[in-house]
PDB file of N, CA and C in Angstrom:
ATOM      1  N   MET A   1     128.246  87.609  47.570  1.00  0.00           N
ATOM      2  CA  MET A   1     128.794  87.282  46.769  1.00  0.00           C
ATOM      3  C   MET A   1     127.317  86.863  45.296  1.00  0.00           C
ATOM      4  N   LEU A   2     127.233  86.735  44.549  1.00  0.00           N
ATOM      5  CA  LEU A   2     125.817  86.871  43.511  1.00  0.00           C
ATOM      6  C   LEU A   2     126.114  86.345  42.630  1.00  0.00           C
ATOM      7  N   TRP A   3     125.930  85.396  42.869  1.00  0.00           N
ATOM      8  CA  TRP A   3     126.247  83.760  40.472  1.00  0.00           C
ATOM      9  C   TRP A   3     125.282  83.929  40.187  1.00  0.00           C
ATOM     10  N   LEU A   4     125.003  84.926  38.870  1.00  0.00           N
ATOM     11  CA  LEU A   4     123.430  84.462  38.191  1.00  0.00           C
ATOM     12  C   LEU A   4     123.945  83.718  37.236  1.00  0.00           C
ATOM     13  N   ALA A   5     122.117  84.474  36.462  1.00  0.00           N
ATOM     14  CA  ALA A   5     122.710  83.049  35.135  1.00  0.00           C
ATOM     15  C   ALA A   5     123.093  83.066  34.014  1.00  0.00           C
ATOM     16  N   SER A   6     123.369  84.434  34.234  1.00  0.00           N
ATOM     17  CA  SER A   6     124.199  84.741  32.593  1.00  0.00           C
ATOM     18  C   SER A   6     125.252  86.321  32.752  1.00  0.00           C
ATOM     19  N   PRO A   7     126.005  86.530  31.834  1.00  0.00           N
ATOM     20  CA  PRO A   7     127.131  87.663  32.344  1.00  0.00           C
ATOM     21  C   PRO A   7     126.349  88.813  32.244  1.00  0.00           C
ATOM     22  N   THR A   8     124.805  89.228  32.333  1.00  0.00           N
ATOM     23  CA  THR A   8     123.862  90.471  32.424  1.00  0.00           C
ATOM     24  C   THR A   8     123.560  90.358  33.652  1.00  0.00           C
ATOM     25  N   LEU A   9     123.293  91.637  34.597  1.00  0.00           N
ATOM     26  CA  LEU A   9     123.716  91.854  36.051  1.00  0.00           C
ATOM     27  C   LEU A   9     121.928  91.828  35.810  1.00  0.00           C
ATOM     28  N   ASP A  10     120.895  91.686  35.192  1.00  0.00           N
ATOM     29  CA  ASP A  10     120.094  91.819  35.637  1.00  0.00           C
ATOM     30  C   ASP A  10     119.033  90.659  35.140  1.00  0.00           C
ATOM     31  N   SER A  11     120.081  89.392  34.840  1.00  0.00           N
ATOM     32  CA  SER A  11     119.387  88.221  34.948  1.00  0.00           C
ATOM     33  C   SER A  11     118.825  88.035  35.771  1.00  0.00           C
ATOM     34  N   ARG A  12     118.656  86.292  36.919  1.00  0.00           N
ATOM     35  CA  ARG A  12     118.274  85.805  37.916  1.00  0.00           C
ATOM     36  C   ARG A  12     119.817  85.449  39.064  1.00  0.00           C
ATOM     37  N   VAL A  13     119.460  85.745  39.878  1.00  0.00           N
ATOM     38  CA  VAL A  13     120.532  84.634  40.514  1.00  0.00           C
ATOM     39  C   VAL A  13     120.354  82.965  40.864  1.00  0.00           C
ATOM     40  N   LEU A  14     121.297  82.621  40.832  1.00  0.00           N
ATOM     41  CA  LEU A  14     120.906  81.967  41.094  1.00  0.00           C
ATOM     42  C   LEU A  14     121.972  80.843  42.453  1.00  0.00           C
ATOM     43  N   GLY A  15     122.784  81.699  43.100  1.00  0.00           N
ATOM     44  CA  GLY A  15     123.091  81.742  44.201  1.00  0.00           C
ATOM     45  C   GLY A  15     123.993  82.475  45.167  1.00  0.00           C
ATOM     46  N   TRP A  16     124.217  82.422  46.056  1.00  0.00           N
ATOM     47  CA  TRP A  16     124.528  83.594  47.276  1.00  0.00           C
ATOM     48  C   TRP A  16     125.523  83.021  48.213  1.00  0.00           C
ATOM     49  N   SER A  17     126.214  84.249  48.440  1.00  0.00           N
ATOM     50  CA  SER A  17     126.738  83.950  49.671  1.00  0.00           C
ATOM     51  C   SER A  17     126.677  85.442  50.255  1.00  0.00           C
ATOM     52  N   PHE A  18     127.054  85.410  51.769  1.00  0.00           N
ATOM     53  CA  PHE A  18     126.960  86.621  53.113  1.00  0.00           C
ATOM     54  C   PHE A  18     128.479  86.405  53.458  1.00  0.00           C
ATOM     55  N   PHE A  19     129.314  87.894  53.584  1.00  0.00           N
ATOM     56  CA  PHE A  19     129.855  87.695  55.096  1.00  0.00           C
ATOM     57  C   PHE A  19     130.074  88.926  55.140  1.00  0.00           C
ATOM     58  N   ASP A  20     129.527  89.090  57.349  1.00  0.00           N
ATOM     59  CA  ASP A  20     129.193  89.732  57.437  1.00  0.00           C
ATOM     60  C   ASP A  20     130.645  90.640  58.316  1.00  0.00           C
ATOM     61  N   GLY A  21     131.164  91.330  57.963  1.00  0.00           N
ATOM     62  CA  GLY A  21     132.162  91.945  58.246  1.00  0.00           C
ATOM     63  C   GLY A  21     131.781  92.919  60.193  1.00  0.00           C
ATOM     64  N   THR A  22     130.501  93.084  59.775  1.00  0.00           N
ATOM     65  CA  THR A  22     130.287  93.554  61.317  1.00  0.00           C
ATOM     66  C   THR A  22     130.255  92.605  62.374  1.00  0.00           C
ATOM     67  N   ALA A  23     130.129  91.735  62.261  1.00  0.00           N
ATOM     68  CA  ALA A  23     129.136  90.735  63.704  1.00  0.00           C
ATOM     69  C   ALA A  23     127.884  90.788  63.527  1.00  0.00           C
ATOM     70  N   GLY A  24     127.084  90.735  62.710  1.00  0.00           N
ATOM     71  CA  GLY A  24     125.761  90.896  63.595  1.00  0.00           C
ATOM     72  C   GLY A  24     126.026  92.879  63.751  1.00  0.00           C
ATOM     73  N   ALA A  25     126.694  93.213  63.530  1.00  0.00           N
ATOM     74  CA  ALA A  25     125.879  95.321  63.496  1.00  0.00           C
ATOM     75  C   ALA A  25     125.080  95.610  62.726  1.00  0.00           C
ATOM     76  N   GLY A  26     125.438  95.158  61.744  1.00  0.00           N
ATOM     77  CA  GLY A  26     125.029  95.730  60.463  1.00  0.00           C
ATOM     78  C   GLY A  26     124.008  95.450  59.797  1.00  0.00           C
ATOM     79  N   PRO A  27     123.118  95.863  58.475  1.00  0.00           N
ATOM     80  CA  PRO A  27     122.556  95.529  58.367  1.00  0.00           C
ATOM     81  C   PRO A  27     122.645  93.879  57.361  1.00  0.00           C
ATOM     82  N   GLN A  28     120.922  92.823  58.158  1.00  0.00           N
ATOM     83  CA  GLN A  28     121.237  91.307  57.546  1.00  0.00           C
ATOM     84  C   GLN A  28     120.363  91.269  56.532  1.00  0.00           C
ATOM     85  N   PRO A  29     120.679  90.357  55.498  1.00  0.00           N
ATOM     86  CA  PRO A  29     119.877  90.242  54.415  1.00  0.00           C
ATOM     87  C   PRO A  29     118.554  89.811  54.695  1.00  0.00           C
ATOM     88  N   GLU A  30     117.433  89.786  54.527  1.00  0.00           N
ATOM     89  CA  GLU A  30     116.068  89.581  54.793  1.00  0.00           C
ATOM     90  C   GLU A  30     115.116  88.651  54.400  1.00  0.00           C
ATOM     91  N   ALA A  31     116.235  87.822  52.952  1.00  0.00           N
ATOM     92  CA  ALA A  31     115.596  87.598  51.509  1.00  0.00           C
ATOM     93  C   ALA A  31     116.456  87.040  51.543  1.00  0.00           C
ATOM     94  N   ASP A  32     115.996  85.042  50.789  1.00  0.00           N
ATOM     95  CA  ASP A  32     116.947  84.340  50.034  1.00  0.00           C
ATOM     96  C   ASP A  32     116.169  83.715  48.622  1.00  0.00           C
ATOM     97  N   PRO A  33     117.429  84.645  47.450  1.00  0.00           N
ATOM     98  CA  PRO A  33     118.667  85.058  48.244  1.00  0.00           C
ATOM     99  C   PRO A  33     118.216  86.648  48.225  1.00  0.00           C
ATOM    100  N   PRO A  34     119.048  87.380  48.559  1.00  0.00           N
ATOM    101  CA  PRO A  34     119.106  88.458  49.322  1.00  0.00           C
ATOM    102  C   PRO A  34     117.845  90.129  47.965  1.00  0.00           C
ATOM    103  N   TYR A  35     118.122  89.851  46.557  1.00  0.00           N
ATOM    104  CA  TYR A  35     118.739  89.990  45.834  1.00  0.00           C
ATOM    105  C   TYR A  35     117.463  89.542  44.699  1.00  0.00           C
ATOM    106  N   GLY A  36     117.218  89.395  43.779  1.00  0.00           N
ATOM    107  CA  GLY A  36     116.516  88.854  43.088  1.00  0.00           C
ATOM    108  C   GLY A  36     117.652  88.984  40.936  1.00  0.00           C
ATOM    109  N   THR A  37     118.529  90.124  41.015  1.00  0.00           N
ATOM    110  CA  THR A  37     119.194  90.608  40.013  1.00  0.00           C
ATOM    111  C   THR A  37     121.046  90.997  40.560  1.00  0.00           C
ATOM    112  N   GLY A  38     121.360  91.433  40.185  1.00  0.00           N
ATOM    113  CA  GLY A  38     122.553  92.276  40.840  1.00  0.00           C
ATOM    114  C   GLY A  38     122.324  93.155  40.238  1.00  0.00           C
ATOM    115  N   VAL A  39     121.393  94.508  39.475  1.00  0.00           N
ATOM    116  CA  VAL A  39     120.576  95.354  39.047  1.00  0.00           C
ATOM    117  C   VAL A  39     119.946  95.638  40.630  1.00  0.00           C
ATOM    118  N   GLU A  40     119.329  95.160  41.338  1.00  0.00           N
ATOM    119  CA  GLU A  40     118.722  95.548  41.980  1.00  0.00           C
ATOM    120  C   GLU A  40     119.935  95.427  42.999  1.00  0.00           C
ATOM    121  N   ALA A  41     121.246  94.555  43.699  1.00  0.00           N
ATOM    122  CA  ALA A  41     121.939  95.169  43.946  1.00  0.00           C
ATOM    123  C   ALA A  41     122.669  96.277  44.301  1.00  0.00           C
ATOM    124  N   LEU A  42     122.388  97.174  42.915  1.00  0.00           N
ATOM    125  CA  LEU A  42     123.265  98.215  42.482  1.00  0.00           C
ATOM    126  C   LEU A  42     121.935  98.954  43.126  1.00  0.00           C
ATOM    127  N   VAL A  43     121.513  99.208  42.778  1.00  0.00           N
ATOM    128  CA  VAL A  43     120.709 100.046  43.490  1.00  0.00           C
ATOM    129  C   VAL A  43     119.801 100.172  44.429  1.00  0.00           C
ATOM    130  N   ASP A  44     120.455  99.562  45.340  1.00  0.00           N
ATOM    131  CA  ASP A  44     120.007  99.354  46.882  1.00  0.00           C
ATOM    132  C   ASP A  44     121.700  99.550  47.512  1.00  0.00           C
ATOM    133  N   GLY A  45     122.717  99.772  46.658  1.00  0.00           N
ATOM    134  CA  GLY A  45     124.502 101.232  46.725  1.00  0.00           C
ATOM    135  C   GLY A  45     125.138  99.737  47.761  1.00  0.00           C
ATOM    136  N   TRP A  46     124.968  98.792  47.074  1.00  0.00           N
ATOM    137  CA  TRP A  46     125.997  97.421  46.413  1.00  0.00           C
ATOM    138  C   TRP A  46     126.726  98.483  45.644  1.00  0.00           C
ATOM    139  N   ARG A  47     127.910  98.694  45.224  1.00  0.00           N
ATOM    140  CA  ARG A  47     129.589  98.411  44.429  1.00  0.00           C
ATOM    141  C   ARG A  47     129.357  97.231  43.884  1.00  0.00           C
ATOM    142  N   MET A  48     130.139  96.988  43.109  1.00  0.00           N
ATOM    143  CA  MET A  48     130.029  95.050  42.023  1.00  0.00           C
ATOM    144  C   MET A  48     131.288  95.689  42.016  1.00  0.00           C
ATOM    145  N   LEU A  49     132.070  93.832  41.860  1.00  0.00           N
ATOM    146  CA  LEU A  49     133.320  93.845  40.663  1.00  0.00           C
ATOM    147  C   LEU A  49     133.183  91.714  40.077  1.00  0.00           C
ATOM    148  N   GLN A  50     133.015  91.892  38.860  1.00  0.00           N
ATOM    149  CA  GLN A  50     132.456  90.787  38.046  1.00  0.00           C
ATOM    150  C   GLN A  50     134.309  90.048  38.723  1.00  0.00           C
ATOM    151  N   MET A  51     134.016  88.817  38.536  1.00  0.00           N
ATOM    152  CA  MET A  51     134.836  88.064  38.937  1.00  0.00           C
ATOM    153  C   MET A  51     135.308  86.943  37.852  1.00  0.00           C
ATOM    154  N   SER A  52     134.659  86.644  37.171  1.00  0.00           N
ATOM    155  CA  SER A  52     134.247  85.196  36.432  1.00  0.00           C
ATOM    156  C   SER A  52     134.789  85.722  34.690  1.00  0.00           C
ATOM    157  N   PRO A  53     135.546  84.271  34.271  1.00  0.00           N
ATOM    158  CA  PRO A  53     135.816  85.186  32.671  1.00  0.00           C
ATOM    159  C   PRO A  53     134.822  84.352  32.229  1.00  0.00           C
ATOM    160  N   LEU A  54     134.584  85.284  31.024  1.00  0.00           N
ATOM    161  CA  LEU A  54     133.007  84.299  30.094  1.00  0.00           C
ATOM    162  C   LEU A  54     134.554  83.759  29.053  1.00  0.00           C
ATOM    163  N   ILE A  55     134.202  82.350  29.268  1.00  0.00           N
ATOM    164  CA  ILE A  55     134.456  81.347  29.118  1.00  0.00           C
ATOM    165  C   ILE A  55     133.276  80.457  28.455  1.00  0.00           C
ATOM    166  N   PRO A  56     134.071  80.170  27.577  1.00  0.00           N
ATOM    167  CA  PRO A  56     132.039  79.101  26.016  1.00  0.00           C
ATOM    168  C   PRO A  56     133.037  77.551  26.516  1.00  0.00           C
ATOM    169  N   PRO A  57     131.439  76.536  27.106  1.00  0.00           N
ATOM    170  CA  PRO A  57     131.849  75.465  26.750  1.00  0.00           C
ATOM    171  C   PRO A  57     132.016  74.849  26.056  1.00  0.00           C
ATOM    172  N   VAL A  58     132.941  73.971  26.480  1.00  0.00           N
ATOM    173  CA  VAL A  58     133.947  72.731  25.603  1.00  0.00           C
ATOM    174  C   VAL A  58     132.473  71.445  25.078  1.00  0.00           C
ATOM    175  N   PRO A  59     132.709  72.079  23.012  1.00  0.00           N
ATOM    176  CA  PRO A  59     132.058  70.644  22.990  1.00  0.00           C
ATOM    177  C   PRO A  59     131.899  69.548  22.809  1.00  0.00           C
ATOM    178  N   GLY A  60     129.724  68.824  23.686  1.00  0.00           N
ATOM    179  CA  GLY A  60     130.125  68.119  24.164  1.00  0.00           C
ATOM    180  C   GLY A  60     129.223  67.923  25.546  1.00  0.00           C
ATOM    181  N   HIS A  61     129.890  69.102  26.261  1.00  0.00           N
ATOM    182  CA  HIS A  61     129.936  69.239  27.871  1.00  0.00           C
ATOM    183  C   HIS A  61     129.338  70.188  27.884  1.00  0.00           C
ATOM    184  N   GLU A  62     127.574  70.881  27.351  1.00  0.00           N
ATOM    185  CA  GLU A  62     127.821  71.988  28.231  1.00  0.00           C
ATOM    186  C   GLU A  62     126.481  71.547  28.818  1.00  0.00           C
ATOM    187  N   ARG A  63     126.280  70.607  28.764  1.00  0.00           N
ATOM    188  CA  ARG A  63     124.656  70.243  30.011  1.00  0.00           C
ATOM    189  C   ARG A  63     125.835  69.821  31.190  1.00  0.00           C
ATOM    190  N   GLU A  64     126.929  69.506  31.449  1.00  0.00           N
ATOM    191  CA  GLU A  64     128.172  68.592  33.005  1.00  0.00           C
ATOM    192  C   GLU A  64     128.057  69.231  33.901  1.00  0.00           C
ATOM    193  N   THR A  65     127.926  69.037  34.888  1.00  0.00           N
ATOM    194  CA  THR A  65     128.090  69.415  36.265  1.00  0.00           C
ATOM    195  C   THR A  65     129.340  70.716  36.368  1.00  0.00           C
ATOM    196  N   SER A  66     129.102  72.062  36.777  1.00  0.00           N
ATOM    197  CA  SER A  66     130.763  73.154  36.808  1.00  0.00           C
ATOM    198  C   SER A  66     130.504  73.856  37.905  1.00  0.00           C
ATOM    199  N   PHE A  67     131.160  74.741  37.490  1.00  0.00           N
ATOM    200  CA  PHE A  67     131.254  76.021  38.859  1.00  0.00           C
ATOM    201  C   PHE A  67     130.302  77.271  38.102  1.00  0.00           C
ATOM    202  N   LEU A  68     129.902  77.906  38.765  1.00  0.00           N
ATOM    203  CA  LEU A  68     129.495  78.524  38.760  1.00  0.00           C
ATOM    204  C   LEU A  68     130.282  80.269  37.978  1.00  0.00           C
ATOM    205  N   LYS A  69     129.237  80.138  36.454  1.00  0.00           N
ATOM    206  CA  LYS A  69     130.116  81.023  35.277  1.00  0.00           C
ATOM    207  C   LYS A  69     130.202  82.353  35.464  1.00  0.00           C
ATOM    208  N   HIS A  70     129.060  82.754  36.001  1.00  0.00           N
ATOM    209  CA  HIS A  70     128.695  84.431  36.233  1.00  0.00           C
ATOM    210  C   HIS A  70     128.646  85.098  37.633  1.00  0.00           C
ATOM    211  N   GLU A  71     130.396  84.844  38.291  1.00  0.00           N
ATOM    212  CA  GLU A  71     130.181  85.126  39.566  1.00  0.00           C
ATOM    213  C   GLU A  71     130.704  86.835  39.994  1.00  0.00           C
ATOM    214  N   PHE A  72     130.139  87.449  40.839  1.00  0.00           N
ATOM    215  CA  PHE A  72     130.313  88.797  41.022  1.00  0.00           C
ATOM    216  C   PHE A  72     130.125  88.991  42.872  1.00  0.00           C
ATOM    217  N   VAL A  73     131.648  89.859  42.885  1.00  0.00           N
ATOM    218  CA  VAL A  73     131.193  90.499  44.241  1.00  0.00           C
ATOM    219  C   VAL A  73     130.627  91.449  44.116  1.00  0.00           C
ATOM    220  N   PHE A  74     129.542  92.055  45.485  1.00  0.00           N
ATOM    221  CA  PHE A  74     129.031  92.705  45.946  1.00  0.00           C
ATOM    222  C   PHE A  74     129.462  93.704  46.769  1.00  0.00           C
ATOM    223  N   GLU A  75     129.834  94.988  47.997  1.00  0.00           N
ATOM    224  CA  GLU A  75     130.525  95.083  48.358  1.00  0.00           C
ATOM    225  C   GLU A  75     129.714  96.471  49.157  1.00  0.00           C
ATOM    226  N   ARG A  76     129.567  96.772  50.076  1.00  0.00           N
ATOM    227  CA  ARG A  76     128.416  98.029  50.712  1.00  0.00           C
ATOM    228  C   ARG A  76     128.789  98.793  52.096  1.00  0.00           C
ATOM    229  N   LEU A  77     129.291  99.768  51.583  1.00  0.00           N
ATOM    230  CA  LEU A  77     129.979 100.166  53.602  1.00  0.00           C
ATOM    231  C   LEU A  77     129.169 100.589  53.878  1.00  0.00           C
ATOM    232  N   VAL A  78     128.914 100.275  55.353  1.00  0.00           N
ATOM    233  CA  VAL A  78     127.680 100.684  56.402  1.00  0.00           C
ATOM    234  C   VAL A  78     128.453 101.572  57.351  1.00  0.00           C
ATOM    235  N   GLU A  79     127.868 102.782  58.076  1.00  0.00           N
ATOM    236  CA  GLU A  79     128.125 103.054  59.421  1.00  0.00           C
ATOM    237  C   GLU A  79     127.123 102.643  60.164  1.00  0.00           C
ATOM    238  N   LEU A  80     128.022 102.737  60.771  1.00  0.00           N
ATOM    239  CA  LEU A  80     127.961 101.587  62.364  1.00  0.00           C
ATOM    240  C   LEU A  80     128.134 102.830  63.845  1.00  0.00           C
ATOM    241  N   GLY A  81     126.802 102.538  64.630  1.00  0.00           N
ATOM    242  CA  GLY A  81     126.724 103.502  65.502  1.00  0.00           C
ATOM    243  C   GLY A  81     126.355 105.214  65.951  1.00  0.00           C
TER     244      GLY A  81
END
């Protein structure tokens, strides 16, 4: 999963998480984060599903800490063996 700085896929990655369904037998991330933008992940063969709704902040609360809004799920199927 990638959390981006804005809803555009070419914005920078703010946070990420990785689940490896192959128990380490598949390709592993080589960097932290593994991609600088969502576009880089797409170019590398990942499929993408945007998860977060685009909700404007409540006036007066723009600078409060909250959830990361721009959440994208990336999936890549790999052949093993």
